[in-house]
Amino acid sequence: MSKKGLAGGVVHKMPADFRKALISTSAAKAVWEDITPLARNEWICWVTSGKRAETRNIRIEKALSKLKGGMRRPCCWAGCMHR
């Protein structure tokens, strides 16, 4: 567990903006805590791989929506190349 009791990934550090969004969205947070560290790593990498702030914000919103719907890993993405 990382600060504020939110589990992180295995390679990537949890960014503050994504942490804040997850903590404030209980349904997404519940799924987040249920997925594996490797799956959390995939979400973190997907969110942070956006080069522009606008892209990153869009990805955070999509991640919250997908997690709330029960999706366990980002869809249609090659996956984290850092593992």
PDB file of N, CA and C in Angstrom:
ATOM      1  N   MET A   1       0.837  -1.190   0.000  1.00  0.00           N
ATOM      2  CA  MET A   1       0.000   0.000   0.000  1.00  0.00           C
ATOM      3  C   MET A   1       0.873   1.241   0.000  1.00  0.00           C
ATOM      4  N   SER A   2       0.458   2.224  -0.725  1.00  0.00           N
ATOM      5  CA  SER A   2       1.181   3.485  -0.726  1.00  0.00           C
ATOM      6  C   SER A   2       0.421   4.475   0.144  1.00  0.00           C
ATOM      7  N   LYS A   3       0.881   5.713   0.146  1.00  0.00           N
ATOM      8  CA  LYS A   3       0.260   6.670   1.070  1.00  0.00           C
ATOM      9  C   LYS A   3      -1.238   6.819   0.807  1.00  0.00           C
ATOM     10  N   LYS A   4      -1.953   7.129   1.852  1.00  0.00           N
ATOM     11  CA  LYS A   4      -3.410   7.219   1.876  1.00  0.00           C
ATOM     12  C   LYS A   4      -4.070   5.864   1.661  1.00  0.00           C
ATOM     13  N   GLY A   5      -3.320   4.765   1.860  1.00  0.00           N
ATOM     14  CA  GLY A   5      -3.910   3.444   1.807  1.00  0.00           C
ATOM     15  C   GLY A   5      -4.329   2.960   0.442  1.00  0.00           C
ATOM     16  N   LEU A   6      -3.768   3.475  -0.623  1.00  0.00           N
ATOM     17  CA  LEU A   6      -4.129   3.054  -1.964  1.00  0.00           C
ATOM     18  C   LEU A   6      -2.988   2.237  -2.546  1.00  0.00           C
ATOM     19  N   ALA A   7      -3.284   1.013  -2.953  1.00  0.00           N
ATOM     20  CA  ALA A   7      -2.265   0.128  -3.515  1.00  0.00           C
ATOM     21  C   ALA A   7      -1.749   0.688  -4.840  1.00  0.00           C
ATOM     22  N   GLY A   8      -0.464   0.424  -5.102  1.00  0.00           N
ATOM     23  CA  GLY A   8       0.155   0.898  -6.340  1.00  0.00           C
ATOM     24  C   GLY A   8       0.486  -0.237  -7.275  1.00  0.00           C
ATOM     25  N   GLY A   9       1.333   0.056  -8.249  1.00  0.00           N
ATOM     26  CA  GLY A   9       1.756  -0.946  -9.212  1.00  0.00           C
ATOM     27  C   GLY A   9       3.077  -1.568  -8.809  1.00  0.00           C
ATOM     28  N   VAL A  10       3.685  -2.303  -9.730  1.00  0.00           N
ATOM     29  CA  VAL A  10       4.934  -2.982  -9.431  1.00  0.00           C
ATOM     30  C   VAL A  10       6.153  -2.229  -9.953  1.00  0.00           C
ATOM     31  N   VAL A  11       5.988  -1.413 -10.959  1.00  0.00           N
ATOM     32  CA  VAL A  11       7.105  -0.682 -11.548  1.00  0.00           C
ATOM     33  C   VAL A  11       6.903   0.823 -11.413  1.00  0.00           C
ATOM     34  N   HIS A  12       5.707   1.271 -11.731  1.00  0.00           N
ATOM     35  CA  HIS A  12       5.424   2.706 -11.776  1.00  0.00           C
ATOM     36  C   HIS A  12       4.941   3.241 -10.438  1.00  0.00           C
ATOM     37  N   LYS A  13       5.372   4.432 -10.108  1.00  0.00           N
ATOM     38  CA  LYS A  13       4.903   5.131  -8.914  1.00  0.00           C
ATOM     39  C   LYS A  13       3.534   5.734  -9.226  1.00  0.00           C
ATOM     40  N   MET A  14       2.652   5.670  -8.253  1.00  0.00           N
ATOM     41  CA  MET A  14       1.308   6.214  -8.431  1.00  0.00           C
ATOM     42  C   MET A  14       1.363   7.733  -8.504  1.00  0.00           C
ATOM     43  N   PRO A  15       0.933   8.330  -9.623  1.00  0.00           N
ATOM     44  CA  PRO A  15       0.929   9.797  -9.715  1.00  0.00           C
ATOM     45  C   PRO A  15      -0.169  10.406  -8.834  1.00  0.00           C
ATOM     46  N   ALA A  16       0.109  11.574  -8.305  1.00  0.00           N
ATOM     47  CA  ALA A  16      -0.798  12.228  -7.362  1.00  0.00           C
ATOM     48  C   ALA A  16      -2.174  12.499  -7.959  1.00  0.00           C
ATOM     49  N   ASP A  17      -2.235  12.930  -9.225  1.00  0.00           N
ATOM     50  CA  ASP A  17      -3.535  13.246  -9.823  1.00  0.00           C
ATOM     51  C   ASP A  17      -4.403  12.000  -9.997  1.00  0.00           C
ATOM     52  N   PHE A  18      -3.787  10.893 -10.379  1.00  0.00           N
ATOM     53  CA  PHE A  18      -4.533   9.644 -10.536  1.00  0.00           C
ATOM     54  C   PHE A  18      -4.954   9.107  -9.171  1.00  0.00           C
ATOM     55  N   ARG A  19      -4.073   9.201  -8.171  1.00  0.00           N
ATOM     56  CA  ARG A  19      -4.401   8.774  -6.805  1.00  0.00           C
ATOM     57  C   ARG A  19      -5.620   9.542  -6.288  1.00  0.00           C
ATOM     58  N   LYS A  20      -5.595  10.853  -6.439  1.00  0.00           N
ATOM     59  CA  LYS A  20      -6.690  11.697  -5.949  1.00  0.00           C
ATOM     60  C   LYS A  20      -8.009  11.318  -6.624  1.00  0.00           C
ATOM     61  N   ALA A  21      -7.952  11.077  -7.942  1.00  0.00           N
ATOM     62  CA  ALA A  21      -9.158  10.708  -8.684  1.00  0.00           C
ATOM     63  C   ALA A  21      -9.705   9.366  -8.206  1.00  0.00           C
ATOM     64  N   LEU A  22      -8.819   8.392  -7.984  1.00  0.00           N
ATOM     65  CA  LEU A  22      -9.260   7.072  -7.519  1.00  0.00           C
ATOM     66  C   LEU A  22      -9.857   7.144  -6.110  1.00  0.00           C
ATOM     67  N   ILE A  23      -9.215   7.884  -5.241  1.00  0.00           N
ATOM     68  CA  ILE A  23      -9.697   7.995  -3.861  1.00  0.00           C
ATOM     69  C   ILE A  23     -11.080   8.631  -3.818  1.00  0.00           C
ATOM     70  N   SER A  24     -11.344   9.555  -4.722  1.00  0.00           N
ATOM     71  CA  SER A  24     -12.624  10.259  -4.706  1.00  0.00           C
ATOM     72  C   SER A  24     -13.731   9.517  -5.463  1.00  0.00           C
ATOM     73  N   THR A  25     -13.415   8.373  -6.059  1.00  0.00           N
ATOM     74  CA  THR A  25     -14.402   7.602  -6.815  1.00  0.00           C
ATOM     75  C   THR A  25     -14.468   6.196  -6.220  1.00  0.00           C
ATOM     76  N   SER A  26     -15.359   5.993  -5.282  1.00  0.00           N
ATOM     77  CA  SER A  26     -15.360   4.759  -4.492  1.00  0.00           C
ATOM     78  C   SER A  26     -15.543   3.491  -5.322  1.00  0.00           C
ATOM     79  N   ALA A  27     -16.379   3.517  -6.344  1.00  0.00           N
ATOM     80  CA  ALA A  27     -16.592   2.316  -7.158  1.00  0.00           C
ATOM     81  C   ALA A  27     -15.320   1.939  -7.916  1.00  0.00           C
ATOM     82  N   ALA A  28     -14.629   2.919  -8.451  1.00  0.00           N
ATOM     83  CA  ALA A  28     -13.369   2.658  -9.159  1.00  0.00           C
ATOM     84  C   ALA A  28     -12.300   2.203  -8.173  1.00  0.00           C
ATOM     85  N   LYS A  29     -12.276   2.810  -7.003  1.00  0.00           N
ATOM     86  CA  LYS A  29     -11.292   2.443  -5.977  1.00  0.00           C
ATOM     87  C   LYS A  29     -11.487   0.996  -5.537  1.00  0.00           C
ATOM     88  N   ALA A  30     -12.726   0.553  -5.422  1.00  0.00           N
ATOM     89  CA  ALA A  30     -12.998  -0.824  -5.009  1.00  0.00           C
ATOM     90  C   ALA A  30     -12.430  -1.825  -6.017  1.00  0.00           C
ATOM     91  N   VAL A  31     -12.609  -1.554  -7.295  1.00  0.00           N
ATOM     92  CA  VAL A  31     -12.055  -2.435  -8.320  1.00  0.00           C
ATOM     93  C   VAL A  31     -10.531  -2.342  -8.297  1.00  0.00           C
ATOM     94  N   TRP A  32     -10.007  -1.135  -8.140  1.00  0.00           N
ATOM     95  CA  TRP A  32      -8.562  -0.916  -8.084  1.00  0.00           C
ATOM     96  C   TRP A  32      -7.917  -1.785  -7.003  1.00  0.00           C
ATOM     97  N   GLU A  33      -8.528  -1.826  -5.851  1.00  0.00           N
ATOM     98  CA  GLU A  33      -7.985  -2.601  -4.739  1.00  0.00           C
ATOM     99  C   GLU A  33      -8.120  -4.100  -4.965  1.00  0.00           C
ATOM    100  N   ASP A  34      -9.009  -4.503  -5.865  1.00  0.00           N
ATOM    101  CA  ASP A  34      -9.237  -5.923  -6.132  1.00  0.00           C
ATOM    102  C   ASP A  34      -8.350  -6.481  -7.246  1.00  0.00           C
ATOM    103  N   ILE A  35      -7.787  -5.619  -8.104  1.00  0.00           N
ATOM    104  CA  ILE A  35      -6.966  -6.110  -9.210  1.00  0.00           C
ATOM    105  C   ILE A  35      -5.537  -6.371  -8.747  1.00  0.00           C
ATOM    106  N   THR A  36      -4.790  -7.087  -9.546  1.00  0.00           N
ATOM    107  CA  THR A  36      -3.412  -7.454  -9.195  1.00  0.00           C
ATOM    108  C   THR A  36      -2.483  -6.244  -9.303  1.00  0.00           C
ATOM    109  N   PRO A  37      -1.336  -6.291  -8.634  1.00  0.00           N
ATOM    110  CA  PRO A  37      -0.354  -5.211  -8.773  1.00  0.00           C
ATOM    111  C   PRO A  37       0.089  -5.014 -10.223  1.00  0.00           C
ATOM    112  N   LEU A  38       0.176  -6.094 -10.994  1.00  0.00           N
ATOM    113  CA  LEU A  38       0.553  -5.978 -12.397  1.00  0.00           C
ATOM    114  C   LEU A  38      -0.522  -5.246 -13.200  1.00  0.00           C
ATOM    115  N   ALA A  39      -1.779  -5.523 -12.904  1.00  0.00           N
ATOM    116  CA  ALA A  39      -2.878  -4.825 -13.578  1.00  0.00           C
ATOM    117  C   ALA A  39      -2.885  -3.343 -13.197  1.00  0.00           C
ATOM    118  N   ARG A  40      -2.646  -3.058 -11.903  1.00  0.00           N
ATOM    119  CA  ARG A  40      -2.574  -1.645 -11.486  1.00  0.00           C
ATOM    120  C   ARG A  40      -1.433  -0.939 -12.216  1.00  0.00           C
ATOM    121  N   ASN A  41      -0.320  -1.647 -12.383  1.00  0.00           N
ATOM    122  CA  ASN A  41       0.816  -1.095 -13.100  1.00  0.00           C
ATOM    123  C   ASN A  41       0.428  -0.724 -14.538  1.00  0.00           C
ATOM    124  N   GLU A  42      -0.369  -1.582 -15.182  1.00  0.00           N
ATOM    125  CA  GLU A  42      -0.819  -1.314 -16.556  1.00  0.00           C
ATOM    126  C   GLU A  42      -1.642  -0.022 -16.612  1.00  0.00           C
ATOM    127  N   TRP A  43      -2.551   0.147 -15.651  1.00  0.00           N
ATOM    128  CA  TRP A  43      -3.367   1.372 -15.623  1.00  0.00           C
ATOM    129  C   TRP A  43      -2.491   2.605 -15.414  1.00  0.00           C
ATOM    130  N   ILE A  44      -1.558   2.521 -14.469  1.00  0.00           N
ATOM    131  CA  ILE A  44      -0.686   3.669 -14.193  1.00  0.00           C
ATOM    132  C   ILE A  44       0.127   4.017 -15.434  1.00  0.00           C
ATOM    133  N   CYS A  45       0.700   3.011 -16.084  1.00  0.00           N
ATOM    134  CA  CYS A  45       1.510   3.248 -17.283  1.00  0.00           C
ATOM    135  C   CYS A  45       0.662   3.862 -18.392  1.00  0.00           C
ATOM    136  N   TRP A  46      -0.542   3.340 -18.571  1.00  0.00           N
ATOM    137  CA  TRP A  46      -1.421   3.860 -19.620  1.00  0.00           C
ATOM    138  C   TRP A  46      -1.759   5.328 -19.369  1.00  0.00           C
ATOM    139  N   VAL A  47      -2.092   5.652 -18.137  1.00  0.00           N
ATOM    140  CA  VAL A  47      -2.433   7.036 -17.795  1.00  0.00           C
ATOM    141  C   VAL A  47      -1.226   7.957 -17.998  1.00  0.00           C
ATOM    142  N   THR A  48      -0.069   7.554 -17.520  1.00  0.00           N
ATOM    143  CA  THR A  48       1.102   8.432 -17.556  1.00  0.00           C
ATOM    144  C   THR A  48       1.809   8.454 -18.903  1.00  0.00           C
ATOM    145  N   SER A  49       1.454   7.547 -19.805  1.00  0.00           N
ATOM    146  CA  SER A  49       2.126   7.538 -21.106  1.00  0.00           C
ATOM    147  C   SER A  49       1.591   8.618 -22.050  1.00  0.00           C
ATOM    148  N   GLY A  50       0.503   9.255 -21.704  1.00  0.00           N
ATOM    149  CA  GLY A  50       0.010  10.382 -22.499  1.00  0.00           C
ATOM    150  C   GLY A  50       0.985  11.549 -22.396  1.00  0.00           C
ATOM    151  N   LYS A  51       1.371  12.109 -23.510  1.00  0.00           N
ATOM    152  CA  LYS A  51       2.392  13.154 -23.502  1.00  0.00           C
ATOM    153  C   LYS A  51       1.857  14.537 -23.106  1.00  0.00           C
ATOM    154  N   ARG A  52       0.609  14.809 -23.421  1.00  0.00           N
ATOM    155  CA  ARG A  52       0.035  16.121 -23.103  1.00  0.00           C
ATOM    156  C   ARG A  52      -0.854  16.030 -21.868  1.00  0.00           C
ATOM    157  N   ALA A  53      -0.939  17.111 -21.128  1.00  0.00           N
ATOM    158  CA  ALA A  53      -1.777  17.147 -19.920  1.00  0.00           C
ATOM    159  C   ALA A  53      -3.233  16.839 -20.261  1.00  0.00           C
ATOM    160  N   GLU A  54      -3.689  17.338 -21.401  1.00  0.00           N
ATOM    161  CA  GLU A  54      -5.072  17.091 -21.834  1.00  0.00           C
ATOM    162  C   GLU A  54      -5.314  15.591 -22.039  1.00  0.00           C
ATOM    163  N   THR A  55      -4.362  14.917 -22.671  1.00  0.00           N
ATOM    164  CA  THR A  55      -4.481  13.474 -22.899  1.00  0.00           C
ATOM    165  C   THR A  55      -4.495  12.726 -21.574  1.00  0.00           C
ATOM    166  N   ARG A  56      -3.624  13.110 -20.685  1.00  0.00           N
ATOM    167  CA  ARG A  56      -3.545  12.460 -19.372  1.00  0.00           C
ATOM    168  C   ARG A  56      -4.856  12.615 -18.608  1.00  0.00           C
ATOM    169  N   ASN A  57      -5.429  13.805 -18.613  1.00  0.00           N
ATOM    170  CA  ASN A  57      -6.700  14.041 -17.926  1.00  0.00           C
ATOM    171  C   ASN A  57      -7.825  13.200 -18.530  1.00  0.00           C
ATOM    172  N   ILE A  58      -7.839  13.092 -19.847  1.00  0.00           N
ATOM    173  CA  ILE A  58      -8.836  12.261 -20.519  1.00  0.00           C
ATOM    174  C   ILE A  58      -8.657  10.804 -20.106  1.00  0.00           C
ATOM    175  N   ARG A  59      -7.404  10.349 -20.046  1.00  0.00           N
ATOM    176  CA  ARG A  59      -7.131   8.960 -19.667  1.00  0.00           C
ATOM    177  C   ARG A  59      -7.521   8.687 -18.219  1.00  0.00           C
ATOM    178  N   ILE A  60      -7.323   9.645 -17.343  1.00  0.00           N
ATOM    179  CA  ILE A  60      -7.741   9.457 -15.945  1.00  0.00           C
ATOM    180  C   ILE A  60      -9.255   9.279 -15.886  1.00  0.00           C
ATOM    181  N   GLU A  61      -9.981  10.128 -16.586  1.00  0.00           N
ATOM    182  CA  GLU A  61     -11.447  10.020 -16.601  1.00  0.00           C
ATOM    183  C   GLU A  61     -11.897   8.695 -17.197  1.00  0.00           C
ATOM    184  N   LYS A  62     -11.258   8.271 -18.291  1.00  0.00           N
ATOM    185  CA  LYS A  62     -11.611   6.984 -18.908  1.00  0.00           C
ATOM    186  C   LYS A  62     -11.274   5.826 -17.972  1.00  0.00           C
ATOM    187  N   ALA A  63     -10.143   5.906 -17.309  1.00  0.00           N
ATOM    188  CA  ALA A  63      -9.748   4.847 -16.379  1.00  0.00           C
ATOM    189  C   ALA A  63     -10.781   4.716 -15.266  1.00  0.00           C
ATOM    190  N   LEU A  64     -11.215   5.832 -14.715  1.00  0.00           N
ATOM    191  CA  LEU A  64     -12.231   5.792 -13.658  1.00  0.00           C
ATOM    192  C   LEU A  64     -13.514   5.152 -14.176  1.00  0.00           C
ATOM    193  N   SER A  65     -13.931   5.542 -15.355  1.00  0.00           N
ATOM    194  CA  SER A  65     -15.147   5.004 -15.950  1.00  0.00           C
ATOM    195  C   SER A  65     -15.030   3.497 -16.190  1.00  0.00           C
ATOM    196  N   LYS A  66     -13.906   3.084 -16.753  1.00  0.00           N
ATOM    197  CA  LYS A  66     -13.699   1.661 -17.049  1.00  0.00           C
ATOM    198  C   LYS A  66     -13.590   0.842 -15.767  1.00  0.00           C
ATOM    199  N   LEU A  67     -12.868   1.354 -14.786  1.00  0.00           N
ATOM    200  CA  LEU A  67     -12.751   0.649 -13.516  1.00  0.00           C
ATOM    201  C   LEU A  67     -14.112   0.524 -12.837  1.00  0.00           C
ATOM    202  N   LYS A  68     -14.904   1.594 -12.856  1.00  0.00           N
ATOM    203  CA  LYS A  68     -16.247   1.540 -12.266  1.00  0.00           C
ATOM    204  C   LYS A  68     -17.095   0.470 -12.936  1.00  0.00           C
ATOM    205  N   GLY A  69     -16.849   0.256 -14.237  1.00  0.00           N
ATOM    206  CA  GLY A  69     -17.574  -0.769 -14.979  1.00  0.00           C
ATOM    207  C   GLY A  69     -17.014  -2.169 -14.792  1.00  0.00           C
ATOM    208  N   GLY A  70     -15.938  -2.296 -14.021  1.00  0.00           N
ATOM    209  CA  GLY A  70     -15.384  -3.605 -13.732  1.00  0.00           C
ATOM    210  C   GLY A  70     -14.212  -4.019 -14.609  1.00  0.00           C
ATOM    211  N   MET A  71     -13.780  -3.154 -15.524  1.00  0.00           N
ATOM    212  CA  MET A  71     -12.651  -3.503 -16.376  1.00  0.00           C
ATOM    213  C   MET A  71     -11.380  -3.578 -15.533  1.00  0.00           C
ATOM    214  N   ARG A  72     -10.619  -4.647 -15.708  1.00  0.00           N
ATOM    215  CA  ARG A  72      -9.463  -4.902 -14.861  1.00  0.00           C
ATOM    216  C   ARG A  72      -8.145  -4.440 -15.476  1.00  0.00           C
ATOM    217  N   ARG A  73      -8.104  -4.233 -16.790  1.00  0.00           N
ATOM    218  CA  ARG A  73      -6.897  -3.757 -17.474  1.00  0.00           C
ATOM    219  C   ARG A  73      -7.308  -2.823 -18.601  1.00  0.00           C
ATOM    220  N   PRO A  74      -6.414  -1.899 -18.990  1.00  0.00           N
ATOM    221  CA  PRO A  74      -6.747  -1.017 -20.117  1.00  0.00           C
ATOM    222  C   PRO A  74      -6.982  -1.846 -21.379  1.00  0.00           C
ATOM    223  N   CYS A  75      -7.971  -1.474 -22.142  1.00  0.00           N
ATOM    224  CA  CYS A  75      -8.321  -2.186 -23.363  1.00  0.00           C
ATOM    225  C   CYS A  75      -7.630  -1.566 -24.583  1.00  0.00           C
ATOM    226  N   CYS A  76      -7.356  -2.395 -25.532  1.00  0.00           N
ATOM    227  CA  CYS A  76      -6.833  -1.949 -26.834  1.00  0.00           C
ATOM    228  C   CYS A  76      -5.528  -1.170 -26.690  1.00  0.00           C
ATOM    229  N   TRP A  77      -4.652  -1.681 -25.861  1.00  0.00           N
ATOM    230  CA  TRP A  77      -3.351  -1.059 -25.601  1.00  0.00           C
ATOM    231  C   TRP A  77      -2.346  -2.183 -25.506  1.00  0.00           C
ATOM    232  N   ALA A  78      -1.175  -2.003 -26.079  1.00  0.00           N
ATOM    233  CA  ALA A  78      -0.163  -3.069 -26.142  1.00  0.00           C
ATOM    234  C   ALA A  78       0.320  -3.504 -24.767  1.00  0.00           C
ATOM    235  N   GLY A  79       0.160  -2.684 -23.776  1.00  0.00           N
ATOM    236  CA  GLY A  79       0.586  -3.021 -22.421  1.00  0.00           C
ATOM    237  C   GLY A  79       1.868  -2.294 -22.041  1.00  0.00           C
ATOM    238  N   CYS A  80       2.173  -2.363 -20.784  1.00  0.00           N
ATOM    239  CA  CYS A  80       3.332  -1.662 -20.239  1.00  0.00           C
ATOM    240  C   CYS A  80       4.616  -2.312 -20.734  1.00  0.00           C
ATOM    241  N   MET A  81       5.458  -1.546 -21.334  1.00  0.00           N
ATOM    242  CA  MET A  81       6.731  -2.062 -21.835  1.00  0.00           C
ATOM    243  C   MET A  81       7.801  -2.044 -20.751  1.00  0.00           C
ATOM    244  N   HIS A  82       7.474  -1.558 -19.574  1.00  0.00           N
ATOM    245  CA  HIS A  82       8.449  -1.378 -18.503  1.00  0.00           C
ATOM    246  C   HIS A  82       8.531  -2.546 -17.530  1.00  0.00           C
ATOM    247  N   ARG A  83       7.691  -3.557 -17.688  1.00  0.00           N
ATOM    248  CA  ARG A  83       7.712  -4.655 -16.711  1.00  0.00           C
ATOM    249  C   ARG A  83       8.750  -5.682 -17.034  1.00  0.00           C
TER     250      ARG A  83
END
